[in-house]
Amino acid sequence: MSEVYWGGIAAVVVMYAAFLTVGWLAARKVRVGSAAELILAGRAMPLWIATMTMTATWVDGGYLLGTAEGAYKTDGGIASGLQGGLCFGMSLMLGGVFFAKKMRAYQFTTLVDPFESRFGKPWAAVLFLPAMFGEVIWGGELLMAVGATFSVILNMDLVPAILMSALVVTAYTIVGGMWSVAYTDAFQLALVPIGLLSALPFAMDKVGGLDSCVQQYFQARSAQAPWSLQQTVAWWDVSIMLMLGGIPWNCYFQRVLSCRSPETARWHSFTSGALTMLLTVPPLLLGMAAFVKWPGDQFPKLQQEPFLTLPTLLRHLTPHWVGILGLGAIIGAVSSSYSASILSAGSMFSWNVCRRLLFPAIPVWRMKTIIRTCILLLSIGAVILALLAKSVQELWFFTADLIFVLLVPQLVYALFDTRANRIGSMTAFFAALVLRLGGGEPILHMEPIVPYPEWFAGFLSGEPAAWYEMKNDFRVMLFPFKTLAFLVGMTLLPVVSRLTARWDPPRPLMRVADEAAM
């Protein structure tokens, strides 16, 4: 193994010191005795900082590494590379159209509050679980992304890289909460275009320039077998999941609810969505350059671990100083999103479980302690997960998958259906969960157990066997079972609610608590 690049590590240490400094300065905006300041920045966040922090949150390590990975993979391509960034950008815009203004107008504190208002505290605590686990899984994916980048560019072991990143981000998040996260996000977001745009000229020079790279890329892709109908359907299944599954995240609504007004909340969703889609271009082009430079088996390590595409390119196709700038882009993207994920998960647990359900009379000073303790514990959980994960893009997509199937129907009907009740919510939740897990999940080493292609053989093109494919000795289903599970949840919740209204009268949607109580 090559020597550790100590000069690069020194540059990274300086970068992390800058993050801590910005976070500490921003923490001084937190008013003494106010837990609401930690969670929602006192609902005083201006449009520009809200846009920056939301864009920085969505443009994470999985976004950058996953986009390059998708463009590079043999079974990927432009459609695969663009999928995550464009779909998550669309999710922010859809959130702005349908959800942001209403959530802010009701002055909720977290994503779980409308569930509590409509379905009651105990069931809201259950719905909180996928929301929290989604944030923690996402945090693990982020740390995995930065650890992999450190190991390739700096020859640094994975474990200390993950621990150092988690320690710094957790520290400033605990101290300043939302204000620290928002201002460091703005600083970190600026590193992304600087780092990746600095790398583009060098990478393109190694493959004959931008025009040559694009031409060679599409020529090589056109020589590959075109996608089958089944693969196209599977792509749309995932795309719908990403667009809708990117909405019911507390880290998104935490920024919505931190805005100064409902209109600001809506506009911040539109502008951050547009920026999120725009920033897909640099990592996509770098992934294309890697594909042209190392086609087939010329770089066996990338064939085995395609999530290392972006850091490998930065290491081998750019000067060392440019590689460090690229590393800074990934560190900035990871840090901004990781702070959002652990603050979001800690906020939901401390507010909806500890304050609303278990200890309603808890004093404000202890509430702040609980928030900070939850952030620390959930950060530890994300670190453990990062050390066990295998693929950045798969983990990135799985988090949205979990939220899409289980929580999108719950949020839609909690906010907009006056006749939705708890029995309908429970029925939809468990039915969607069973149908989703029945389709299998490679990350959890679960083979498909519900034979969807066989069940729907009369409606499908081709034999049922054509709706399965093997990936890494694992059978994966191409049938759109994610969308099916979502549609079943969307159908069952209103139907069952109306059928059971006599035994479980619907609750009105109301503000969960006055902010002064925090």
Protein backbone atom coordinates (compact mmCIF):
# COMPACT_ATOMS: atom_id res chain seq x y z
CA MET A 1 0.00 0.00 0.00
CA SER A 2 1.23 3.50 -0.82
CA GLU A 3 2.25 5.93 1.86
CA VAL A 4 -0.34 8.07 3.58
CA TYR A 5 -0.48 11.51 1.95
CA TRP A 6 0.17 13.64 5.03
CA GLY A 7 -0.01 16.93 3.18
CA GLY A 8 -3.54 16.09 2.10
CA ILE A 9 -4.48 15.06 5.62
CA ALA A 10 -3.19 18.41 6.91
CA ALA A 11 -5.39 20.19 4.37
CA VAL A 12 -8.37 18.13 5.52
CA VAL A 13 -7.67 18.98 9.16
CA VAL A 14 -7.65 22.69 8.26
CA MET A 15 -10.94 22.20 6.44
CA TYR A 16 -12.56 20.51 9.42
CA ALA A 17 -11.23 23.25 11.69
CA ALA A 18 -12.97 25.78 9.43
CA PHE A 19 -16.23 23.81 9.75
CA LEU A 20 -15.95 23.88 13.53
CA THR A 21 -15.22 27.60 13.52
CA VAL A 22 -18.22 28.43 11.34
CA GLY A 23 -20.43 26.14 13.42
CA TRP A 24 -19.25 27.71 16.67
CA LEU A 25 -19.83 31.26 15.40
CA ALA A 26 -23.31 30.33 14.18
CA ALA A 27 -24.09 28.68 17.53
CA ARG A 28 -24.01 32.12 19.15
CA LYS A 29 -27.35 32.85 17.43
CA VAL A 30 -29.04 30.25 19.63
CA ARG A 31 -31.01 32.02 22.34
CA VAL A 32 -30.38 30.84 25.87
CA GLY A 33 -33.12 28.51 27.15
CA SER A 34 -34.76 27.93 23.77
CA ALA A 35 -34.98 24.37 22.51
CA ALA A 36 -36.84 25.67 19.44
CA GLU A 37 -33.66 27.48 18.41
CA LEU A 38 -31.77 24.18 18.28
CA ILE A 39 -34.43 22.41 16.21
CA LEU A 40 -35.87 25.17 13.98
CA ALA A 41 -33.54 28.16 14.23
CA GLY A 42 -36.38 30.08 15.89
CA ARG A 43 -38.37 29.94 12.61
CA ALA A 44 -36.30 32.94 11.49
CA MET A 45 -34.24 31.53 8.61
CA PRO A 46 -34.10 33.82 5.54
CA LEU A 47 -34.67 32.50 2.02
CA TRP A 48 -31.04 32.51 0.90
CA ILE A 49 -29.71 30.49 3.81
CA ALA A 50 -32.69 28.12 3.64
CA THR A 51 -31.95 27.49 -0.04
CA MET A 52 -28.26 26.91 0.61
CA THR A 53 -28.78 24.54 3.51
CA MET A 54 -31.45 22.52 1.67
CA THR A 55 -29.33 22.20 -1.48
CA ALA A 56 -26.29 21.23 0.58
CA THR A 57 -28.37 18.62 2.39
CA TRP A 58 -29.58 16.92 -0.79
CA VAL A 59 -26.24 17.26 -2.64
CA ASP A 60 -24.58 14.73 -0.36
CA GLY A 61 -21.78 12.19 -0.65
CA GLY A 62 -24.17 9.59 -2.04
CA TYR A 63 -25.33 12.14 -4.62
CA LEU A 64 -21.79 12.83 -5.85
CA LEU A 65 -20.36 9.31 -5.63
CA GLY A 66 -23.65 7.71 -6.68
CA THR A 67 -24.01 9.90 -9.79
CA ALA A 68 -20.46 9.10 -10.93
CA GLU A 69 -21.01 5.43 -10.06
CA GLY A 70 -24.22 5.28 -12.08
CA ALA A 71 -22.56 6.84 -15.14
CA TYR A 72 -19.60 4.46 -14.91
CA LYS A 73 -21.26 1.11 -14.17
CA THR A 74 -21.56 -1.31 -17.05
CA ASP A 75 -25.30 -1.67 -16.45
CA GLY A 76 -25.71 2.06 -15.83
CA GLY A 77 -25.37 4.96 -18.23
CA ILE A 78 -26.73 8.49 -18.48
CA ALA A 79 -30.15 7.39 -17.25
CA SER A 80 -28.64 5.74 -14.19
CA GLY A 81 -26.24 8.60 -13.48
CA LEU A 82 -28.90 11.29 -13.75
CA GLN A 83 -31.55 9.37 -11.88
CA GLY A 84 -30.72 10.30 -8.31
CA GLY A 85 -29.93 14.00 -8.75
CA LEU A 86 -32.81 14.83 -11.08
CA CYS A 87 -35.38 12.83 -9.14
CA PHE A 88 -34.39 14.27 -5.77
CA GLY A 89 -34.44 17.76 -7.28
CA MET A 90 -37.96 17.06 -8.54
CA SER A 91 -38.92 15.83 -5.06
CA LEU A 92 -38.04 19.23 -3.60
CA MET A 93 -40.16 21.01 -6.20
CA LEU A 94 -43.10 18.68 -5.59
CA GLY A 95 -42.67 19.31 -1.88
CA GLY A 96 -42.85 23.03 -2.56
CA VAL A 97 -46.01 22.71 -4.65
CA PHE A 98 -48.01 20.48 -2.32
CA PHE A 99 -46.58 20.34 1.21
CA ALA A 100 -44.21 23.13 2.26
CA LYS A 101 -46.72 25.96 2.61
CA LYS A 102 -49.26 23.94 4.58
CA MET A 103 -46.69 22.42 6.96
CA ARG A 104 -45.24 25.87 7.72
CA ALA A 105 -48.69 27.45 8.08
CA TYR A 106 -49.60 24.93 10.80
CA GLN A 107 -46.29 25.66 12.56
CA PHE A 108 -45.44 22.02 13.08
CA THR A 109 -42.12 21.18 14.68
CA THR A 110 -41.26 17.92 12.86
CA LEU A 111 -42.52 15.67 10.07
CA VAL A 112 -44.20 13.45 12.69
CA ASP A 113 -46.46 16.22 14.07
CA PRO A 114 -49.23 15.90 11.43
CA PHE A 115 -49.27 12.14 12.09
CA GLU A 116 -49.76 12.82 15.79
CA SER A 117 -52.48 15.37 15.15
CA ARG A 118 -54.42 13.11 12.79
CA PHE A 119 -53.72 9.62 14.16
CA GLY A 120 -52.75 10.11 17.84
CA LYS A 121 -49.49 10.00 19.80
CA PRO A 122 -48.92 6.21 20.12
CA TRP A 123 -49.32 5.48 16.42
CA ALA A 124 -47.31 8.58 15.49
CA ALA A 125 -44.47 7.11 17.56
CA VAL A 126 -44.58 4.03 15.30
CA LEU A 127 -44.60 6.13 12.13
CA PHE A 128 -41.62 7.95 13.56
CA LEU A 129 -39.53 4.75 13.31
CA PRO A 130 -39.10 4.56 9.51
CA ALA A 131 -38.51 8.32 9.45
CA MET A 132 -35.74 8.00 12.05
CA PHE A 133 -34.20 4.85 10.57
CA GLY A 134 -34.22 6.49 7.14
CA GLU A 135 -32.16 9.37 8.52
CA VAL A 136 -29.71 7.04 10.32
CA ILE A 137 -29.28 4.79 7.27
CA TRP A 138 -28.66 7.89 5.19
CA GLY A 139 -26.07 9.06 7.72
CA GLY A 140 -24.28 5.73 7.41
CA GLU A 141 -24.22 6.05 3.64
CA LEU A 142 -22.70 9.53 3.94
CA LEU A 143 -19.91 8.40 6.22
CA MET A 144 -19.20 5.46 3.95
CA ALA A 145 -18.83 7.87 1.03
CA VAL A 146 -16.32 10.09 2.79
CA GLY A 147 -14.41 7.11 4.23
CA ALA A 148 -14.04 5.55 0.77
CA THR A 149 -12.83 8.86 -0.64
CA PHE A 150 -10.23 9.29 2.11
CA SER A 151 -8.93 5.77 1.55
CA VAL A 152 -8.46 6.26 -2.20
CA ILE A 153 -7.09 9.82 -2.33
CA LEU A 154 -5.10 9.95 0.93
CA ASN A 155 -4.38 6.22 1.47
CA MET A 156 -5.99 6.66 4.88
CA ASP A 157 -7.69 3.76 6.62
CA LEU A 158 -11.47 3.73 6.43
CA VAL A 159 -12.16 3.62 10.17
CA PRO A 160 -10.24 6.75 11.29
CA ALA A 161 -11.60 8.68 8.28
CA ILE A 162 -15.17 7.84 9.25
CA LEU A 163 -14.57 8.56 12.93
CA MET A 164 -12.90 11.93 12.30
CA SER A 165 -15.70 13.07 9.99
CA ALA A 166 -18.43 11.96 12.38
CA LEU A 167 -16.72 13.55 15.39
CA VAL A 168 -16.31 17.01 13.85
CA VAL A 169 -19.82 17.21 12.40
CA THR A 170 -21.47 15.85 15.53
CA ALA A 171 -19.60 18.39 17.67
CA TYR A 172 -20.84 21.51 15.90
CA THR A 173 -24.34 20.06 15.45
CA ILE A 174 -24.65 19.44 19.20
CA VAL A 175 -23.42 22.93 20.04
CA GLY A 176 -25.47 25.07 17.66
CA GLY A 177 -28.24 22.90 16.26
CA MET A 178 -30.01 24.26 13.19
CA TRP A 179 -28.17 27.58 13.07
CA SER A 180 -24.75 25.87 13.07
CA VAL A 181 -25.90 23.33 10.50
CA ALA A 182 -27.35 26.00 8.19
CA TYR A 183 -24.30 28.28 8.12
CA THR A 184 -21.78 25.45 7.78
CA ASP A 185 -23.99 24.07 4.99
CA ALA A 186 -23.63 27.32 3.06
CA PHE A 187 -19.85 27.18 3.45
CA GLN A 188 -19.69 23.47 2.57
CA LEU A 189 -21.92 23.81 -0.48
CA ALA A 190 -19.46 26.29 -2.01
CA LEU A 191 -16.78 23.57 -1.90
CA VAL A 192 -18.75 21.27 -4.22
CA PRO A 193 -18.58 23.27 -7.50
CA ILE A 194 -15.06 24.49 -6.68
CA GLY A 195 -13.71 20.98 -6.18
CA LEU A 196 -15.47 19.21 -9.03
CA LEU A 197 -15.15 21.97 -11.63
CA SER A 198 -11.41 22.14 -10.86
CA ALA A 199 -11.12 18.44 -11.66
CA LEU A 200 -13.10 18.52 -14.92
CA PRO A 201 -10.43 20.08 -17.22
CA PHE A 202 -7.77 17.59 -16.11
CA ALA A 203 -10.07 14.58 -16.40
CA MET A 204 -11.33 15.64 -19.82
CA ASP A 205 -7.77 16.25 -21.03
CA LYS A 206 -6.93 12.60 -20.28
CA VAL A 207 -9.78 11.40 -22.52
CA GLY A 208 -9.31 13.81 -25.43
CA GLY A 209 -11.51 16.68 -24.34
CA LEU A 210 -15.20 17.11 -23.54
CA ASP A 211 -16.51 16.48 -27.07
CA SER A 212 -14.37 13.37 -27.49
CA CYS A 213 -15.41 12.07 -24.07
CA VAL A 214 -19.11 12.44 -24.81
CA GLN A 215 -18.73 10.89 -28.26
CA GLN A 216 -16.72 7.91 -27.02
CA TYR A 217 -19.09 7.41 -24.11
CA PHE A 218 -22.21 7.23 -26.21
CA GLN A 219 -20.52 5.08 -28.86
CA ALA A 220 -19.51 2.57 -26.21
CA ARG A 221 -22.96 2.65 -24.64
CA SER A 222 -24.69 2.19 -28.00
CA ALA A 223 -22.65 -0.98 -28.56
CA GLN A 224 -24.10 -2.49 -25.40
CA ALA A 225 -27.38 -4.36 -25.43
CA PRO A 226 -30.33 -1.95 -25.13
CA TRP A 227 -32.43 -2.04 -22.03
CA SER A 228 -35.23 -4.58 -22.08
CA LEU A 229 -38.82 -3.63 -21.32
CA GLN A 230 -38.35 -5.09 -17.86
CA GLN A 231 -35.27 -2.97 -17.14
CA THR A 232 -37.03 0.16 -18.36
CA VAL A 233 -40.02 -0.53 -16.11
CA ALA A 234 -37.65 -1.13 -13.17
CA TRP A 235 -35.92 2.22 -13.88
CA TRP A 236 -39.23 4.07 -13.77
CA ASP A 237 -40.18 2.19 -10.61
CA VAL A 238 -37.05 3.51 -8.92
CA SER A 239 -37.48 7.01 -10.39
CA ILE A 240 -41.02 7.38 -9.06
CA MET A 241 -39.78 6.10 -5.73
CA LEU A 242 -37.02 8.73 -5.61
CA MET A 243 -39.25 11.64 -6.64
CA LEU A 244 -41.99 10.89 -4.12
CA GLY A 245 -39.74 9.23 -1.54
CA GLY A 246 -37.62 12.38 -1.36
CA ILE A 247 -40.50 14.38 0.16
CA PRO A 248 -41.41 13.00 3.62
CA TRP A 249 -38.00 13.51 5.22
CA ASN A 250 -37.73 15.44 8.42
CA CYS A 251 -34.46 17.01 7.26
CA TYR A 252 -36.44 18.61 4.41
CA PHE A 253 -39.32 19.74 6.57
CA GLN A 254 -36.95 20.95 9.26
CA ARG A 255 -35.79 23.57 6.78
CA VAL A 256 -39.33 24.25 5.61
CA LEU A 257 -40.43 24.81 9.21
CA SER A 258 -37.38 26.98 9.94
CA CYS A 259 -38.34 29.51 7.26
CA ARG A 260 -39.79 32.88 8.21
CA SER A 261 -43.11 32.38 6.42
CA PRO A 262 -45.11 29.80 4.41
CA GLU A 263 -44.27 31.60 1.16
CA THR A 264 -40.55 31.54 1.98
CA ALA A 265 -40.87 27.82 2.70
CA ARG A 266 -42.39 27.22 -0.73
CA TRP A 267 -39.86 29.30 -2.67
CA HIS A 268 -36.91 27.75 -0.87
CA SER A 269 -38.15 24.34 -2.10
CA PHE A 270 -38.25 25.52 -5.74
CA THR A 271 -34.84 27.18 -5.76
CA SER A 272 -33.05 24.39 -3.90
CA GLY A 273 -34.66 21.83 -6.22
CA ALA A 274 -33.31 23.64 -9.28
CA LEU A 275 -29.81 23.88 -7.77
CA THR A 276 -29.89 20.20 -6.83
CA MET A 277 -30.59 19.20 -10.43
CA LEU A 278 -27.97 21.60 -11.82
CA LEU A 279 -25.20 20.19 -9.61
CA THR A 280 -25.73 16.74 -11.13
CA VAL A 281 -23.68 17.78 -14.18
CA PRO A 282 -20.08 17.78 -12.77
CA PRO A 283 -20.13 14.30 -11.15
CA LEU A 284 -21.98 12.91 -14.20
CA LEU A 285 -19.27 14.17 -16.57
CA LEU A 286 -16.54 12.81 -14.31
CA GLY A 287 -18.24 9.41 -14.24
CA MET A 288 -18.40 9.47 -18.06
CA ALA A 289 -14.68 10.30 -18.20
CA ALA A 290 -13.89 7.34 -15.95
CA PHE A 291 -15.94 5.04 -18.18
CA VAL A 292 -14.05 6.21 -21.28
CA LYS A 293 -10.63 6.00 -19.58
CA TRP A 294 -11.14 2.59 -17.98
CA PRO A 295 -13.56 0.58 -20.13
CA GLY A 296 -14.28 -3.07 -19.48
CA ASP A 297 -11.83 -4.80 -17.13
CA GLN A 298 -8.93 -2.36 -17.53
CA PHE A 299 -9.43 -1.26 -13.91
CA PRO A 300 -10.68 -4.42 -12.12
CA LYS A 301 -11.08 -2.66 -8.76
CA LEU A 302 -13.71 -0.33 -10.19
CA GLN A 303 -15.60 -3.25 -11.71
CA GLN A 304 -15.82 -4.74 -8.23
CA GLU A 305 -16.40 -1.47 -6.36
CA PRO A 306 -17.93 1.08 -8.77
CA PHE A 307 -18.82 3.42 -5.90
CA LEU A 308 -15.09 4.34 -5.87
CA THR A 309 -15.37 5.84 -9.38
CA LEU A 310 -15.18 9.51 -8.36
CA PRO A 311 -12.36 9.26 -5.78
CA THR A 312 -10.37 6.95 -8.11
CA LEU A 313 -10.65 9.49 -10.93
CA LEU A 314 -9.58 12.30 -8.61
CA ARG A 315 -6.58 10.21 -7.54
CA HIS A 316 -5.36 9.05 -10.97
CA LEU A 317 -6.51 11.62 -13.51
CA THR A 318 -5.86 14.90 -11.69
CA PRO A 319 -2.85 16.50 -9.92
CA HIS A 320 -2.67 15.95 -6.19
CA TRP A 321 -3.79 19.48 -5.32
CA VAL A 322 -6.85 19.09 -7.54
CA GLY A 323 -7.58 15.76 -5.91
CA ILE A 324 -7.56 17.52 -2.55
CA LEU A 325 -10.03 20.10 -3.86
CA GLY A 326 -12.22 17.25 -5.08
CA LEU A 327 -11.90 15.59 -1.71
CA GLY A 328 -12.97 18.91 -0.17
CA ALA A 329 -16.08 18.86 -2.36
CA ILE A 330 -17.00 15.39 -1.14
CA ILE A 331 -16.20 16.25 2.49
CA GLY A 332 -18.33 19.38 2.24
CA ALA A 333 -21.22 17.47 0.68
CA VAL A 334 -21.03 14.69 3.26
CA SER A 335 -20.63 16.97 6.25
CA SER A 336 -23.58 19.18 5.37
CA SER A 337 -25.88 16.23 4.83
CA TYR A 338 -24.62 14.22 7.78
CA SER A 339 -25.26 17.10 10.16
CA ALA A 340 -28.77 17.39 8.69
CA SER A 341 -29.48 13.69 9.15
CA ILE A 342 -28.40 13.41 12.79
CA LEU A 343 -30.03 16.72 13.78
CA SER A 344 -33.23 15.63 12.07
CA ALA A 345 -33.33 12.19 13.70
CA GLY A 346 -32.41 13.62 17.11
CA SER A 347 -35.09 16.31 16.80
CA MET A 348 -37.83 13.80 16.03
CA PHE A 349 -36.86 11.47 18.86
CA SER A 350 -36.49 14.19 21.46
CA TRP A 351 -39.64 16.10 20.45
CA ASN A 352 -42.16 13.47 19.31
CA VAL A 353 -41.16 10.59 21.57
CA CYS A 354 -39.55 12.10 24.67
CA ARG A 355 -41.47 15.38 24.93
CA ARG A 356 -44.83 14.60 23.32
CA LEU A 357 -45.28 10.96 24.37
CA LEU A 358 -43.15 9.98 27.36
CA PHE A 359 -42.34 13.10 29.40
CA PRO A 360 -44.72 15.97 28.51
CA ALA A 361 -43.78 17.96 31.60
CA ILE A 362 -40.05 17.91 30.93
CA PRO A 363 -38.40 21.34 31.55
CA VAL A 364 -36.80 23.29 28.72
CA TRP A 365 -33.23 22.95 29.98
CA ARG A 366 -33.55 19.17 30.09
CA MET A 367 -35.16 19.12 26.66
CA LYS A 368 -32.03 20.70 25.22
CA THR A 369 -29.92 18.03 26.92
CA ILE A 370 -32.10 15.28 25.45
CA ILE A 371 -31.82 16.77 21.96
CA ARG A 372 -28.03 16.81 22.18
CA THR A 373 -27.86 13.31 23.67
CA CYS A 374 -30.08 11.94 20.89
CA ILE A 375 -27.86 13.55 18.25
CA LEU A 376 -24.81 11.88 19.77
CA LEU A 377 -26.38 8.41 20.06
CA LEU A 378 -27.82 8.45 16.56
CA SER A 379 -24.49 9.58 15.19
CA ILE A 380 -22.87 6.54 16.80
CA GLY A 381 -25.49 4.35 15.12
CA ALA A 382 -24.70 5.88 11.73
CA VAL A 383 -20.97 5.26 12.26
CA ILE A 384 -21.61 1.57 12.95
CA LEU A 385 -23.75 1.28 9.83
CA ALA A 386 -21.09 3.00 7.70
CA LEU A 387 -18.56 0.35 8.66
CA LEU A 388 -20.91 -2.41 7.47
CA ALA A 389 -22.20 -0.93 4.17
CA LYS A 390 -21.10 -2.05 0.70
CA SER A 391 -22.60 0.26 -1.96
CA VAL A 392 -23.12 4.01 -1.75
CA GLN A 393 -25.74 4.26 -4.49
CA GLU A 394 -27.77 1.27 -3.28
CA LEU A 395 -27.82 2.58 0.29
CA TRP A 396 -28.71 6.06 -0.99
CA PHE A 397 -31.66 4.68 -2.94
CA PHE A 398 -32.79 2.29 -0.19
CA THR A 399 -33.34 5.17 2.24
CA ALA A 400 -35.71 6.88 -0.21
CA ASP A 401 -37.36 3.52 -0.91
CA LEU A 402 -38.16 3.03 2.77
CA ILE A 403 -39.72 6.46 3.07
CA PHE A 404 -41.59 6.27 -0.25
CA VAL A 405 -43.51 3.09 0.49
CA LEU A 406 -44.29 3.70 4.15
CA LEU A 407 -44.63 7.44 4.71
CA VAL A 408 -45.78 9.17 1.51
CA PRO A 409 -49.36 7.85 1.84
CA GLN A 410 -49.38 8.73 5.55
CA LEU A 411 -48.27 12.32 4.93
CA VAL A 412 -50.64 12.92 2.03
CA TYR A 413 -53.75 11.80 3.90
CA ALA A 414 -52.71 13.26 7.26
CA LEU A 415 -52.50 16.69 5.66
CA PHE A 416 -55.28 16.60 3.08
CA ASP A 417 -57.91 13.98 3.99
CA THR A 418 -60.25 15.12 6.77
CA ARG A 419 -61.70 11.59 7.06
CA ALA A 420 -58.41 9.71 7.49
CA ASN A 421 -58.19 7.78 10.76
CA ARG A 422 -55.76 5.63 12.69
CA ILE A 423 -57.18 2.26 11.57
CA GLY A 424 -56.82 3.27 7.93
CA SER A 425 -53.30 4.48 8.60
CA MET A 426 -52.28 1.24 10.31
CA THR A 427 -53.80 -0.94 7.59
CA ALA A 428 -52.04 0.97 4.81
CA PHE A 429 -48.72 0.97 6.66
CA PHE A 430 -48.54 -2.77 7.34
CA ALA A 431 -49.90 -3.77 3.92
CA ALA A 432 -47.33 -1.58 2.14
CA LEU A 433 -44.53 -2.90 4.39
CA VAL A 434 -45.36 -6.56 3.66
CA LEU A 435 -45.68 -5.96 -0.08
CA ARG A 436 -42.39 -4.01 -0.20
CA LEU A 437 -40.36 -6.57 1.76
CA GLY A 438 -41.96 -9.35 -0.26
CA GLY A 439 -40.14 -8.06 -3.34
CA GLY A 440 -36.77 -8.71 -1.68
CA GLU A 441 -33.89 -6.41 -0.80
CA PRO A 442 -30.23 -7.10 -1.72
CA ILE A 443 -28.89 -4.80 0.99
CA LEU A 444 -30.68 -6.91 3.62
CA HIS A 445 -29.82 -10.16 1.77
CA MET A 446 -33.53 -10.86 1.31
CA GLU A 447 -34.57 -12.87 -1.75
CA PRO A 448 -38.00 -12.09 -3.28
CA ILE A 449 -40.66 -14.10 -1.46
CA VAL A 450 -43.79 -12.72 -3.15
CA PRO A 451 -43.94 -13.99 -6.79
CA TYR A 452 -45.28 -10.80 -8.36
CA PRO A 453 -44.33 -11.73 -11.97
CA GLU A 454 -46.18 -15.02 -11.62
CA TRP A 455 -49.21 -13.35 -10.01
CA PHE A 456 -49.47 -10.72 -12.76
CA ALA A 457 -48.32 -12.93 -15.64
CA GLY A 458 -51.49 -12.20 -17.63
CA PHE A 459 -50.73 -8.45 -17.62
CA LEU A 460 -46.99 -8.59 -18.27
CA SER A 461 -44.96 -8.80 -21.45
CA GLY A 462 -42.77 -11.90 -21.63
CA GLU A 463 -42.40 -14.89 -19.38
CA PRO A 464 -42.38 -14.34 -15.59
CA ALA A 465 -38.71 -15.37 -15.52
CA ALA A 466 -37.86 -12.31 -17.63
CA TRP A 467 -38.85 -10.10 -14.70
CA TYR A 468 -35.93 -11.34 -12.62
CA GLU A 469 -32.20 -10.79 -13.10
CA MET A 470 -29.06 -11.87 -11.27
CA LYS A 471 -26.78 -9.26 -9.71
CA ASN A 472 -23.74 -10.42 -7.77
CA ASP A 473 -25.24 -13.91 -7.37
CA PHE A 474 -28.43 -12.39 -5.99
CA ARG A 475 -31.84 -12.60 -7.65
CA VAL A 476 -33.35 -9.13 -8.13
CA MET A 477 -36.95 -8.49 -9.20
CA LEU A 478 -37.60 -6.06 -12.07
CA PHE A 479 -41.34 -5.98 -11.47
CA PRO A 480 -42.37 -2.51 -10.13
CA PHE A 481 -43.27 -3.81 -6.68
CA LYS A 482 -42.19 -0.58 -4.96
CA THR A 483 -44.77 1.44 -6.86
CA LEU A 484 -47.34 -1.33 -6.31
CA ALA A 485 -46.76 -1.26 -2.53
CA PHE A 486 -47.09 2.53 -2.57
CA LEU A 487 -50.33 2.43 -4.58
CA VAL A 488 -51.82 -0.17 -2.25
CA GLY A 489 -51.05 2.10 0.72
CA MET A 490 -52.52 5.11 -1.07
CA THR A 491 -55.70 3.14 -1.79
CA LEU A 492 -56.20 1.35 1.52
CA LEU A 493 -55.76 4.35 3.82
CA PRO A 494 -58.79 6.39 2.67
CA VAL A 495 -60.96 3.34 1.97
CA VAL A 496 -60.40 1.66 5.33
CA SER A 497 -60.69 5.01 7.12
CA ARG A 498 -64.17 5.53 5.74
CA LEU A 499 -65.23 1.95 6.45
CA THR A 500 -64.11 2.20 10.09
CA ALA A 501 -65.13 5.79 10.85
CA ARG A 502 -67.85 4.58 13.26
CA TRP A 503 -65.31 2.85 15.52
CA ASP A 504 -62.44 5.29 15.04
CA PRO A 505 -63.74 8.82 14.40
CA PRO A 506 -61.30 10.96 12.38
CA ARG A 507 -59.37 13.67 14.20
CA PRO A 508 -59.02 17.25 12.94
CA LEU A 509 -55.62 18.46 11.81
CA MET A 510 -54.38 20.91 14.44
CA ARG A 511 -51.16 22.48 15.60
CA VAL A 512 -49.54 19.94 17.92
CA ALA A 513 -48.24 22.43 20.47
CA ASP A 514 -47.45 26.06 20.94
CA GLU A 515 -43.81 26.83 20.22
CA ALA A 516 -43.47 28.68 23.49
CA ALA A 517 -43.86 25.36 25.29
CA MET A 518 -40.47 24.33 24.00
